[in-house]
Amino acid sequence: MRTDSLSWDHYRTFLALLDHGSQSAAARALDLTQPTVGRHVAALESACGQPLFLRSHQGLLPTTTALSMRGHAEAMAASATALARAASGDGDEPAGTVRISVSEVIGLEVLPPILADLQDRHPRLVIELSLSDAVENLLHQEADIAVRMVEPTQDALVSRKVGGIPLGMFAHRRYLERHGAPETPDDLAGHRLIGYDHDLAYVRDLAKGVPEFSRLRFDFRTDSNVAQLAMLRAGGGIGMCQTALADRNPDLVRLLENHFSLELPTYLVMHEDLRHAPRCRAAFDALFEGLKAYRAGDL
């Protein structure tokens, strides 16, 4: 396979074709002409010595070879994006783009004041916030900094432990006025419970020390912590919530504190190659101090 005549633009087009399924759609997504997309595909197929896409009534169908190339092309895309972020920095003053990967509930409910203050102090910083409960790969630099609920084990990552974020069982006063408050864990069987749709790894870890938690049967299920929080605020049932978030709403009442008192381990992580980059150092330090304040109930 000869690749010396290929550039990143060829692989970017290849990924767009995989995602969109036609040359015209890929051309629109990349702001290219359709003939240019066609030339890129032809160059890739010439280098590979075999077809990468088969034409059908459904559009372009990737061959087995194309599918096997996808992961490598996505790694190139992540590297190109990381390179662009690194090149956006300037001197010792924090400047340029920092991409932060964080769960939905932390990104929407906790980080905004921290990030607003950070950009007030460093106005040349540009923040990219990736909201997802999926773990983005810091080793491939899909993100610069991540807030994680599991301890990182890779040697190439720098991490600081924020500490355990307290969790408790809560319900809105409206719900309790209609249905009463449970006195024991067994009483929960007669209530509407808000919880998870899938048996997630960190949920299993949380439940290890609280046998009552593993026996719960949820009536409203979603893996989105934001949706769970919204249902709690709407009076839709009883569910787990970060205590610092619940404390912001005087109508959320803590229940069964002696039985359901958990902590969510929290770490701030970045690739070791970024530790001396002013843009990443400033963001990492601000996030750490802000999350510590949130954990202590001071944010």
C-alpha atoms as a PDB file:
ATOM      1  CA  MET A   1       0.000   0.000   0.000  1.00  0.00           C
ATOM      2  CA  ARG A   2       1.652   3.259  -1.165  1.00  0.00           C
ATOM      3  CA  THR A   3       0.651   6.198   1.041  1.00  0.00           C
ATOM      4  CA  ASP A   4       3.447   8.694   0.346  1.00  0.00           C
ATOM      5  CA  SER A   5       1.224  10.682  -2.019  1.00  0.00           C
ATOM      6  CA  LEU A   6      -1.687  10.870   0.450  1.00  0.00           C
ATOM      7  CA  SER A   7      -2.404  13.676   2.916  1.00  0.00           C
ATOM      8  CA  TRP A   8      -4.660  14.121   5.933  1.00  0.00           C
ATOM      9  CA  ASP A   9      -7.270  15.622   3.603  1.00  0.00           C
ATOM     10  CA  HIS A  10      -7.681  12.230   1.914  1.00  0.00           C
ATOM     11  CA  TYR A  11      -8.389  10.491   5.214  1.00  0.00           C
ATOM     12  CA  ARG A  12     -10.694  13.273   6.362  1.00  0.00           C
ATOM     13  CA  THR A  13     -12.716  12.696   3.200  1.00  0.00           C
ATOM     14  CA  PHE A  14     -12.640   8.936   3.854  1.00  0.00           C
ATOM     15  CA  LEU A  15     -14.156   9.454   7.338  1.00  0.00           C
ATOM     16  CA  ALA A  16     -16.814  11.781   5.941  1.00  0.00           C
ATOM     17  CA  LEU A  17     -17.810   9.136   3.404  1.00  0.00           C
ATOM     18  CA  LEU A  18     -18.079   6.515   6.153  1.00  0.00           C
ATOM     19  CA  ASP A  19     -20.267   8.858   8.208  1.00  0.00           C
ATOM     20  CA  HIS A  20     -22.500  10.234   5.431  1.00  0.00           C
ATOM     21  CA  GLY A  21     -22.674   7.388   2.889  1.00  0.00           C
ATOM     22  CA  SER A  22     -22.461   9.437  -0.324  1.00  0.00           C
ATOM     23  CA  GLN A  23     -20.013  11.698  -2.125  1.00  0.00           C
ATOM     24  CA  SER A  24     -22.485  14.568  -2.275  1.00  0.00           C
ATOM     25  CA  ALA A  25     -23.211  14.469   1.467  1.00  0.00           C
ATOM     26  CA  ALA A  26     -19.500  14.180   2.298  1.00  0.00           C
ATOM     27  CA  ALA A  27     -18.756  17.139   0.014  1.00  0.00           C
ATOM     28  CA  ARG A  28     -21.353  19.285   1.796  1.00  0.00           C
ATOM     29  CA  ALA A  29     -20.029  18.291   5.233  1.00  0.00           C
ATOM     30  CA  LEU A  30     -16.445  19.191   4.290  1.00  0.00           C
ATOM     31  CA  ASP A  31     -17.307  22.207   2.115  1.00  0.00           C
ATOM     32  CA  LEU A  32     -15.625  20.554  -0.882  1.00  0.00           C
ATOM     33  CA  THR A  33     -16.785  19.930  -4.415  1.00  0.00           C
ATOM     34  CA  GLN A  34     -18.044  16.466  -5.315  1.00  0.00           C
ATOM     35  CA  PRO A  35     -15.274  15.957  -7.917  1.00  0.00           C
ATOM     36  CA  THR A  36     -12.679  16.664  -5.211  1.00  0.00           C
ATOM     37  CA  VAL A  37     -14.238  14.016  -2.976  1.00  0.00           C
ATOM     38  CA  GLY A  38     -14.175  11.614  -5.932  1.00  0.00           C
ATOM     39  CA  ARG A  39     -10.466  12.302  -6.540  1.00  0.00           C
ATOM     40  CA  HIS A  40      -9.678  11.690  -2.862  1.00  0.00           C
ATOM     41  CA  VAL A  41     -11.491   8.342  -2.933  1.00  0.00           C
ATOM     42  CA  ALA A  42      -9.746   7.346  -6.159  1.00  0.00           C
ATOM     43  CA  ALA A  43      -6.341   8.202  -4.675  1.00  0.00           C
ATOM     44  CA  LEU A  44      -7.049   6.148  -1.545  1.00  0.00           C
ATOM     45  CA  GLU A  45      -8.280   3.178  -3.546  1.00  0.00           C
ATOM     46  CA  SER A  46      -5.242   3.405  -5.825  1.00  0.00           C
ATOM     47  CA  ALA A  47      -2.933   3.413  -2.806  1.00  0.00           C
ATOM     48  CA  CYS A  48      -4.776   0.448  -1.285  1.00  0.00           C
ATOM     49  CA  GLY A  49      -4.947  -1.458  -4.549  1.00  0.00           C
ATOM     50  CA  GLN A  50      -8.588  -2.342  -3.988  1.00  0.00           C
ATOM     51  CA  PRO A  51     -12.035  -0.745  -3.710  1.00  0.00           C
ATOM     52  CA  LEU A  52     -12.985   0.890  -0.404  1.00  0.00           C
ATOM     53  CA  PHE A  53     -16.645   1.561  -1.211  1.00  0.00           C
ATOM     54  CA  LEU A  54     -19.269  -0.328  -3.178  1.00  0.00           C
ATOM     55  CA  ARG A  55     -22.015   1.626  -4.904  1.00  0.00           C
ATOM     56  CA  SER A  56     -25.582   0.525  -4.149  1.00  0.00           C
ATOM     57  CA  HIS A  57     -29.128   1.925  -4.063  1.00  0.00           C
ATOM     58  CA  GLN A  58     -28.494   2.785  -0.405  1.00  0.00           C
ATOM     59  CA  GLY A  59     -25.408   4.838  -1.285  1.00  0.00           C
ATOM     60  CA  LEU A  60     -21.745   3.964  -0.771  1.00  0.00           C
ATOM     61  CA  LEU A  61     -21.198   0.819   1.286  1.00  0.00           C
ATOM     62  CA  PRO A  62     -17.769   0.435   2.916  1.00  0.00           C
ATOM     63  CA  THR A  63     -15.789  -2.719   2.169  1.00  0.00           C
ATOM     64  CA  THR A  64     -14.157  -4.829   4.862  1.00  0.00           C
ATOM     65  CA  THR A  65     -10.881  -3.048   4.142  1.00  0.00           C
ATOM     66  CA  ALA A  66     -12.505   0.354   4.632  1.00  0.00           C
ATOM     67  CA  LEU A  67     -13.997  -0.703   7.949  1.00  0.00           C
ATOM     68  CA  SER A  68     -10.620  -1.998   9.122  1.00  0.00           C
ATOM     69  CA  MET A  69      -9.075   1.400   8.301  1.00  0.00           C
ATOM     70  CA  ARG A  70     -11.641   3.420  10.222  1.00  0.00           C
ATOM     71  CA  GLY A  71      -9.985   3.238  13.662  1.00  0.00           C
ATOM     72  CA  HIS A  72      -6.634   4.355  12.256  1.00  0.00           C
ATOM     73  CA  ALA A  73      -8.234   7.264  10.406  1.00  0.00           C
ATOM     74  CA  GLU A  74     -10.111   8.324  13.548  1.00  0.00           C
ATOM     75  CA  ALA A  75      -6.819   8.282  15.477  1.00  0.00           C
ATOM     76  CA  MET A  76      -5.350  10.562  12.788  1.00  0.00           C
ATOM     77  CA  ALA A  77      -8.354  12.889  13.161  1.00  0.00           C
ATOM     78  CA  ALA A  78      -7.888  13.067  16.935  1.00  0.00           C
ATOM     79  CA  SER A  79      -4.163  13.786  16.493  1.00  0.00           C
ATOM     80  CA  ALA A  80      -4.853  16.497  13.920  1.00  0.00           C
ATOM     81  CA  THR A  81      -7.359  18.156  16.246  1.00  0.00           C
ATOM     82  CA  ALA A  82      -4.962  17.901  19.215  1.00  0.00           C
ATOM     83  CA  LEU A  83      -2.175  19.407  17.083  1.00  0.00           C
ATOM     84  CA  ALA A  84      -4.431  22.325  16.142  1.00  0.00           C
ATOM     85  CA  ARG A  85      -5.246  22.917  19.830  1.00  0.00           C
ATOM     86  CA  ALA A  86      -1.569  22.837  20.782  1.00  0.00           C
ATOM     87  CA  ALA A  87      -0.654  25.217  17.962  1.00  0.00           C
ATOM     88  CA  SER A  88      -3.303  27.683  19.150  1.00  0.00           C
ATOM     89  CA  GLY A  89      -1.277  28.452  22.312  1.00  0.00           C
ATOM     90  CA  ASP A  90       1.038  31.434  22.523  1.00  0.00           C
ATOM     91  CA  GLY A  91       4.018  31.926  24.880  1.00  0.00           C
ATOM     92  CA  ASP A  92       3.751  31.710  28.658  1.00  0.00           C
ATOM     93  CA  GLU A  93       0.365  33.433  28.930  1.00  0.00           C
ATOM     94  CA  PRO A  94      -2.523  30.921  28.907  1.00  0.00           C
ATOM     95  CA  ALA A  95      -4.014  31.170  25.436  1.00  0.00           C
ATOM     96  CA  GLY A  96      -5.524  28.876  22.853  1.00  0.00           C
ATOM     97  CA  THR A  97      -7.990  26.006  22.973  1.00  0.00           C
ATOM     98  CA  VAL A  98      -8.509  23.526  25.815  1.00  0.00           C
ATOM     99  CA  ARG A  99     -10.868  20.578  25.306  1.00  0.00           C
ATOM    100  CA  ILE A 100     -12.455  19.251  28.504  1.00  0.00           C
ATOM    101  CA  SER A 101     -14.299  15.937  28.696  1.00  0.00           C
ATOM    102  CA  VAL A 102     -16.840  15.637  31.496  1.00  0.00           C
ATOM    103  CA  SER A 103     -20.111  13.932  32.373  1.00  0.00           C
ATOM    104  CA  GLU A 104     -23.351  15.702  31.505  1.00  0.00           C
ATOM    105  CA  VAL A 105     -24.387  16.530  35.045  1.00  0.00           C
ATOM    106  CA  ILE A 106     -20.986  17.959  36.044  1.00  0.00           C
ATOM    107  CA  GLY A 107     -20.697  19.859  32.767  1.00  0.00           C
ATOM    108  CA  LEU A 108     -24.160  21.403  32.991  1.00  0.00           C
ATOM    109  CA  GLU A 109     -24.616  21.881  36.732  1.00  0.00           C
ATOM    110  CA  VAL A 110     -21.117  22.390  38.174  1.00  0.00           C
ATOM    111  CA  LEU A 111     -18.543  23.637  35.676  1.00  0.00           C
ATOM    112  CA  PRO A 112     -20.178  26.776  34.158  1.00  0.00           C
ATOM    113  CA  PRO A 113     -19.213  29.179  37.003  1.00  0.00           C
ATOM    114  CA  ILE A 114     -15.734  27.630  37.204  1.00  0.00           C
ATOM    115  CA  LEU A 115     -15.174  28.039  33.469  1.00  0.00           C
ATOM    116  CA  ALA A 116     -16.662  31.549  33.400  1.00  0.00           C
ATOM    117  CA  ASP A 117     -14.226  32.635  36.100  1.00  0.00           C
ATOM    118  CA  LEU A 118     -11.352  30.914  34.273  1.00  0.00           C
ATOM    119  CA  GLN A 119     -12.070  32.820  31.053  1.00  0.00           C
ATOM    120  CA  ASP A 120     -12.476  36.087  32.969  1.00  0.00           C
ATOM    121  CA  ARG A 121      -8.931  35.623  34.276  1.00  0.00           C
ATOM    122  CA  HIS A 122      -7.544  34.337  30.970  1.00  0.00           C
ATOM    123  CA  PRO A 123      -9.610  35.890  28.171  1.00  0.00           C
ATOM    124  CA  ARG A 124      -7.436  34.355  25.443  1.00  0.00           C
ATOM    125  CA  LEU A 125      -8.471  30.843  26.440  1.00  0.00           C
ATOM    126  CA  VAL A 126     -11.035  29.034  24.274  1.00  0.00           C
ATOM    127  CA  ILE A 127     -12.925  26.207  26.000  1.00  0.00           C
ATOM    128  CA  GLU A 128     -14.310  23.161  24.190  1.00  0.00           C
ATOM    129  CA  LEU A 129     -16.622  21.248  26.531  1.00  0.00           C
ATOM    130  CA  SER A 130     -17.400  17.655  25.598  1.00  0.00           C
ATOM    131  CA  LEU A 131     -20.458  16.481  27.536  1.00  0.00           C
ATOM    132  CA  SER A 132     -20.601  12.713  27.658  1.00  0.00           C
ATOM    133  CA  ASP A 133     -20.616   9.911  30.186  1.00  0.00           C
ATOM    134  CA  ALA A 134     -18.380   7.965  27.778  1.00  0.00           C
ATOM    135  CA  VAL A 135     -14.669   8.127  28.591  1.00  0.00           C
ATOM    136  CA  GLU A 136     -12.751   9.966  25.879  1.00  0.00           C
ATOM    137  CA  ASN A 137      -9.250   8.639  25.225  1.00  0.00           C
ATOM    138  CA  LEU A 138      -6.681  11.012  26.714  1.00  0.00           C
ATOM    139  CA  LEU A 139      -3.794   8.864  25.473  1.00  0.00           C
ATOM    140  CA  HIS A 140      -4.941   9.600  21.901  1.00  0.00           C
ATOM    141  CA  GLN A 141      -5.604  13.210  22.995  1.00  0.00           C
ATOM    142  CA  GLU A 142      -9.289  13.168  22.069  1.00  0.00           C
ATOM    143  CA  ALA A 143      -9.488  15.639  24.977  1.00  0.00           C
ATOM    144  CA  ASP A 144      -6.871  17.630  26.887  1.00  0.00           C
ATOM    145  CA  ILE A 145      -8.408  17.308  30.355  1.00  0.00           C
ATOM    146  CA  ALA A 146     -11.053  14.958  31.731  1.00  0.00           C
ATOM    147  CA  VAL A 147     -13.094  14.710  34.920  1.00  0.00           C
ATOM    148  CA  ARG A 148     -13.400  10.994  35.691  1.00  0.00           C
ATOM    149  CA  MET A 149     -15.229   8.960  38.288  1.00  0.00           C
ATOM    150  CA  VAL A 150     -12.708   6.106  38.180  1.00  0.00           C
ATOM    151  CA  GLU A 151      -9.019   6.225  39.070  1.00  0.00           C
ATOM    152  CA  PRO A 152      -6.837   6.320  35.932  1.00  0.00           C
ATOM    153  CA  THR A 153      -4.205   3.593  35.667  1.00  0.00           C
ATOM    154  CA  GLN A 154      -2.228   4.586  32.553  1.00  0.00           C
ATOM    155  CA  ASP A 155       1.328   5.770  33.271  1.00  0.00           C
ATOM    156  CA  ALA A 156       1.168   8.495  30.607  1.00  0.00           C
ATOM    157  CA  LEU A 157      -1.616  10.351  32.437  1.00  0.00           C
ATOM    158  CA  VAL A 158      -1.284  12.942  35.181  1.00  0.00           C
ATOM    159  CA  SER A 159      -4.113  12.875  37.707  1.00  0.00           C
ATOM    160  CA  ARG A 160      -5.167  14.624  40.896  1.00  0.00           C
ATOM    161  CA  LYS A 161      -7.776  13.194  43.218  1.00  0.00           C
ATOM    162  CA  VAL A 162     -10.536  15.679  43.896  1.00  0.00           C
ATOM    163  CA  GLY A 163     -12.065  13.338  46.475  1.00  0.00           C
ATOM    164  CA  GLY A 164     -15.394  11.652  46.930  1.00  0.00           C
ATOM    165  CA  ILE A 165     -18.471  13.631  45.893  1.00  0.00           C
ATOM    166  CA  PRO A 166     -21.215  12.748  48.413  1.00  0.00           C
ATOM    167  CA  LEU A 167     -24.410  11.139  47.124  1.00  0.00           C
ATOM    168  CA  GLY A 168     -27.721  10.636  48.882  1.00  0.00           C
ATOM    169  CA  MET A 169     -31.318   9.561  48.318  1.00  0.00           C
ATOM    170  CA  PHE A 170     -33.697  12.476  47.706  1.00  0.00           C
ATOM    171  CA  ALA A 171     -37.270  13.325  46.763  1.00  0.00           C
ATOM    172  CA  HIS A 172     -39.147  16.560  46.108  1.00  0.00           C
ATOM    173  CA  ARG A 173     -41.549  17.795  48.800  1.00  0.00           C
ATOM    174  CA  ARG A 174     -44.426  17.534  46.319  1.00  0.00           C
ATOM    175  CA  TYR A 175     -43.794  13.832  45.886  1.00  0.00           C
ATOM    176  CA  LEU A 176     -43.543  13.266  49.660  1.00  0.00           C
ATOM    177  CA  GLU A 177     -46.766  15.183  50.280  1.00  0.00           C
ATOM    178  CA  ARG A 178     -48.591  12.828  47.914  1.00  0.00           C
ATOM    179  CA  HIS A 179     -46.915   9.549  48.809  1.00  0.00           C
ATOM    180  CA  GLY A 180     -45.318   9.967  52.226  1.00  0.00           C
ATOM    181  CA  ALA A 181     -41.677   9.407  53.167  1.00  0.00           C
ATOM    182  CA  PRO A 182     -40.129   5.935  53.463  1.00  0.00           C
ATOM    183  CA  GLU A 183     -38.948   5.086  56.967  1.00  0.00           C
ATOM    184  CA  THR A 184     -36.830   2.048  56.029  1.00  0.00           C
ATOM    185  CA  PRO A 185     -35.208   0.714  52.830  1.00  0.00           C
ATOM    186  CA  ASP A 186     -37.971  -1.893  52.613  1.00  0.00           C
ATOM    187  CA  ASP A 187     -40.526   0.924  52.347  1.00  0.00           C
ATOM    188  CA  LEU A 188     -39.007   1.915  48.988  1.00  0.00           C
ATOM    189  CA  ALA A 189     -40.798  -1.009  47.376  1.00  0.00           C
ATOM    190  CA  GLY A 190     -44.005   1.020  47.609  1.00  0.00           C
ATOM    191  CA  HIS A 191     -42.539   4.137  45.960  1.00  0.00           C
ATOM    192  CA  ARG A 192     -41.650   5.316  42.460  1.00  0.00           C
ATOM    193  CA  LEU A 193     -37.893   5.089  42.125  1.00  0.00           C
ATOM    194  CA  ILE A 194     -35.653   6.943  39.666  1.00  0.00           C
ATOM    195  CA  GLY A 195     -32.536   5.137  38.504  1.00  0.00           C
ATOM    196  CA  TYR A 196     -30.372   3.647  35.795  1.00  0.00           C
ATOM    197  CA  ASP A 197     -31.332   1.884  32.603  1.00  0.00           C
ATOM    198  CA  HIS A 198     -28.156  -0.206  32.329  1.00  0.00           C
ATOM    199  CA  ASP A 199     -25.927  -1.877  34.887  1.00  0.00           C
ATOM    200  CA  LEU A 200     -23.037   0.571  34.494  1.00  0.00           C
ATOM    201  CA  ALA A 201     -19.603  -0.247  35.919  1.00  0.00           C
ATOM    202  CA  TYR A 202     -19.441   2.720  38.277  1.00  0.00           C
ATOM    203  CA  VAL A 203     -22.999   2.016  39.467  1.00  0.00           C
ATOM    204  CA  ARG A 204     -21.921  -1.510  40.390  1.00  0.00           C
ATOM    205  CA  ASP A 205     -18.917  -0.083  42.242  1.00  0.00           C
ATOM    206  CA  LEU A 206     -21.162   2.287  44.190  1.00  0.00           C
ATOM    207  CA  ALA A 207     -23.537  -0.500  45.110  1.00  0.00           C
ATOM    208  CA  LYS A 208     -20.839  -2.783  46.541  1.00  0.00           C
ATOM    209  CA  GLY A 209     -20.891  -1.088  49.932  1.00  0.00           C
ATOM    210  CA  VAL A 210     -24.658  -0.576  50.035  1.00  0.00           C
ATOM    211  CA  PRO A 211     -26.550  -3.879  49.663  1.00  0.00           C
ATOM    212  CA  GLU A 212     -29.899  -2.066  49.737  1.00  0.00           C
ATOM    213  CA  PHE A 213     -28.986  -0.184  46.551  1.00  0.00           C
ATOM    214  CA  SER A 214     -28.555  -3.347  44.470  1.00  0.00           C
ATOM    215  CA  ARG A 215     -32.060  -4.514  45.418  1.00  0.00           C
ATOM    216  CA  LEU A 216     -33.834  -1.403  44.147  1.00  0.00           C
ATOM    217  CA  ARG A 217     -36.217  -1.692  41.190  1.00  0.00           C
ATOM    218  CA  PHE A 218     -36.547   1.521  39.227  1.00  0.00           C
ATOM    219  CA  ASP A 219     -39.816   2.811  37.785  1.00  0.00           C
ATOM    220  CA  PHE A 220     -38.152   5.612  35.796  1.00  0.00           C
ATOM    221  CA  ARG A 221     -34.957   4.476  34.101  1.00  0.00           C
ATOM    222  CA  THR A 222     -32.331   6.511  32.285  1.00  0.00           C
ATOM    223  CA  ASP A 223     -28.546   6.450  32.163  1.00  0.00           C
ATOM    224  CA  SER A 224     -28.537  10.255  31.924  1.00  0.00           C
ATOM    225  CA  ASN A 225     -27.810  11.792  35.311  1.00  0.00           C
ATOM    226  CA  VAL A 226     -29.229  15.073  34.016  1.00  0.00           C
ATOM    227  CA  ALA A 227     -32.544  13.389  33.209  1.00  0.00           C
ATOM    228  CA  GLN A 228     -32.606  11.746  36.634  1.00  0.00           C
ATOM    229  CA  LEU A 229     -32.008  15.114  38.285  1.00  0.00           C
ATOM    230  CA  ALA A 230     -34.753  16.739  36.210  1.00  0.00           C
ATOM    231  CA  MET A 231     -37.197  13.996  37.243  1.00  0.00           C
ATOM    232  CA  LEU A 232     -36.311  14.508  40.904  1.00  0.00           C
ATOM    233  CA  ARG A 233     -36.892  18.255  40.593  1.00  0.00           C
ATOM    234  CA  ALA A 234     -40.240  17.579  38.916  1.00  0.00           C
ATOM    235  CA  GLY A 235     -41.434  15.482  41.850  1.00  0.00           C
ATOM    236  CA  GLY A 236     -41.378  12.288  39.804  1.00  0.00           C
ATOM    237  CA  GLY A 237     -40.060   9.966  42.504  1.00  0.00           C
ATOM    238  CA  ILE A 238     -37.159   9.088  44.781  1.00  0.00           C
ATOM    239  CA  GLY A 239     -33.614   8.842  43.464  1.00  0.00           C
ATOM    240  CA  MET A 240     -29.908   9.307  44.089  1.00  0.00           C
ATOM    241  CA  CYS A 241     -28.423  12.772  43.709  1.00  0.00           C
ATOM    242  CA  GLN A 242     -25.167  14.543  44.466  1.00  0.00           C
ATOM    243  CA  THR A 243     -25.827  16.221  47.808  1.00  0.00           C
ATOM    244  CA  ALA A 244     -24.231  19.501  46.729  1.00  0.00           C
ATOM    245  CA  LEU A 245     -26.725  19.724  43.847  1.00  0.00           C
ATOM    246  CA  ALA A 246     -29.678  18.763  46.035  1.00  0.00           C
ATOM    247  CA  ASP A 247     -28.693  21.368  48.637  1.00  0.00           C
ATOM    248  CA  ARG A 248     -29.264  24.098  46.052  1.00  0.00           C
ATOM    249  CA  ASN A 249     -32.962  23.251  46.003  1.00  0.00           C
ATOM    250  CA  PRO A 250     -34.683  23.566  49.408  1.00  0.00           C
ATOM    251  CA  ASP A 251     -37.581  21.460  48.123  1.00  0.00           C
ATOM    252  CA  LEU A 252     -35.388  18.373  47.713  1.00  0.00           C
ATOM    253  CA  VAL A 253     -35.475  16.351  50.945  1.00  0.00           C
ATOM    254  CA  ARG A 254     -32.843  13.809  51.894  1.00  0.00           C
ATOM    255  CA  LEU A 255     -34.152  10.359  52.825  1.00  0.00           C
ATOM    256  CA  LEU A 256     -32.735   7.308  54.604  1.00  0.00           C
ATOM    257  CA  GLU A 257     -29.379   8.970  55.180  1.00  0.00           C
ATOM    258  CA  ASN A 258     -28.155   6.176  57.455  1.00  0.00           C
ATOM    259  CA  HIS A 259     -28.767   3.594  54.717  1.00  0.00           C
ATOM    260  CA  PHE A 260     -27.851   5.424  51.495  1.00  0.00           C
ATOM    261  CA  SER A 261     -24.719   7.487  52.028  1.00  0.00           C
ATOM    262  CA  LEU A 262     -22.253   7.035  49.172  1.00  0.00           C
ATOM    263  CA  GLU A 263     -19.349   8.907  47.617  1.00  0.00           C
ATOM    264  CA  LEU A 264     -18.503   9.199  43.937  1.00  0.00           C
ATOM    265  CA  PRO A 265     -14.675   9.090  43.550  1.00  0.00           C
ATOM    266  CA  THR A 266     -13.573  11.972  41.340  1.00  0.00           C
ATOM    267  CA  TYR A 267     -10.280  12.580  39.543  1.00  0.00           C
ATOM    268  CA  LEU A 268      -8.953  15.307  37.273  1.00  0.00           C
ATOM    269  CA  VAL A 269      -6.780  13.857  34.514  1.00  0.00           C
ATOM    270  CA  MET A 270      -4.634  15.036  31.583  1.00  0.00           C
ATOM    271  CA  HIS A 271      -1.870  13.644  29.387  1.00  0.00           C
ATOM    272  CA  GLU A 272       1.594  14.137  30.879  1.00  0.00           C
ATOM    273  CA  ASP A 273       2.810  15.857  27.690  1.00  0.00           C
ATOM    274  CA  LEU A 274       0.405  18.739  28.420  1.00  0.00           C
ATOM    275  CA  ARG A 275       1.389  19.439  32.018  1.00  0.00           C
ATOM    276  CA  HIS A 276       3.662  22.349  31.082  1.00  0.00           C
ATOM    277  CA  ALA A 277       1.372  23.884  28.447  1.00  0.00           C
ATOM    278  CA  PRO A 278       0.139  27.171  29.989  1.00  0.00           C
ATOM    279  CA  ARG A 279      -3.387  26.792  28.563  1.00  0.00           C
ATOM    280  CA  CYS A 280      -3.795  23.297  30.058  1.00  0.00           C
ATOM    281  CA  ARG A 281      -2.058  24.087  33.333  1.00  0.00           C
ATOM    282  CA  ALA A 282      -4.325  27.088  33.972  1.00  0.00           C
ATOM    283  CA  ALA A 283      -7.470  25.098  33.150  1.00  0.00           C
ATOM    284  CA  PHE A 284      -6.371  22.043  35.161  1.00  0.00           C
ATOM    285  CA  ASP A 285      -5.644  24.118  38.283  1.00  0.00           C
ATOM    286  CA  ALA A 286      -8.899  26.082  38.004  1.00  0.00           C
ATOM    287  CA  LEU A 287     -10.945  22.916  37.576  1.00  0.00           C
ATOM    288  CA  PHE A 288      -9.266  21.240  40.533  1.00  0.00           C
ATOM    289  CA  GLU A 289      -9.883  24.164  42.900  1.00  0.00           C
ATOM    290  CA  GLY A 290     -13.437  24.618  41.625  1.00  0.00           C
ATOM    291  CA  LEU A 291     -14.344  20.945  42.003  1.00  0.00           C
ATOM    292  CA  LYS A 292     -12.840  20.864  45.491  1.00  0.00           C
ATOM    293  CA  ALA A 293     -15.025  23.839  46.420  1.00  0.00           C
ATOM    294  CA  TYR A 294     -18.081  22.127  44.917  1.00  0.00           C
ATOM    295  CA  ARG A 295     -17.351  18.925  46.832  1.00  0.00           C
ATOM    296  CA  ALA A 296     -17.136  20.937  50.053  1.00  0.00           C
ATOM    297  CA  GLY A 297     -20.460  22.647  49.316  1.00  0.00           C
ATOM    298  CA  ASP A 298     -18.873  26.058  48.711  1.00  0.00           C
ATOM    299  CA  LEU A 299     -19.833  26.435  45.044  1.00  0.00           C
END
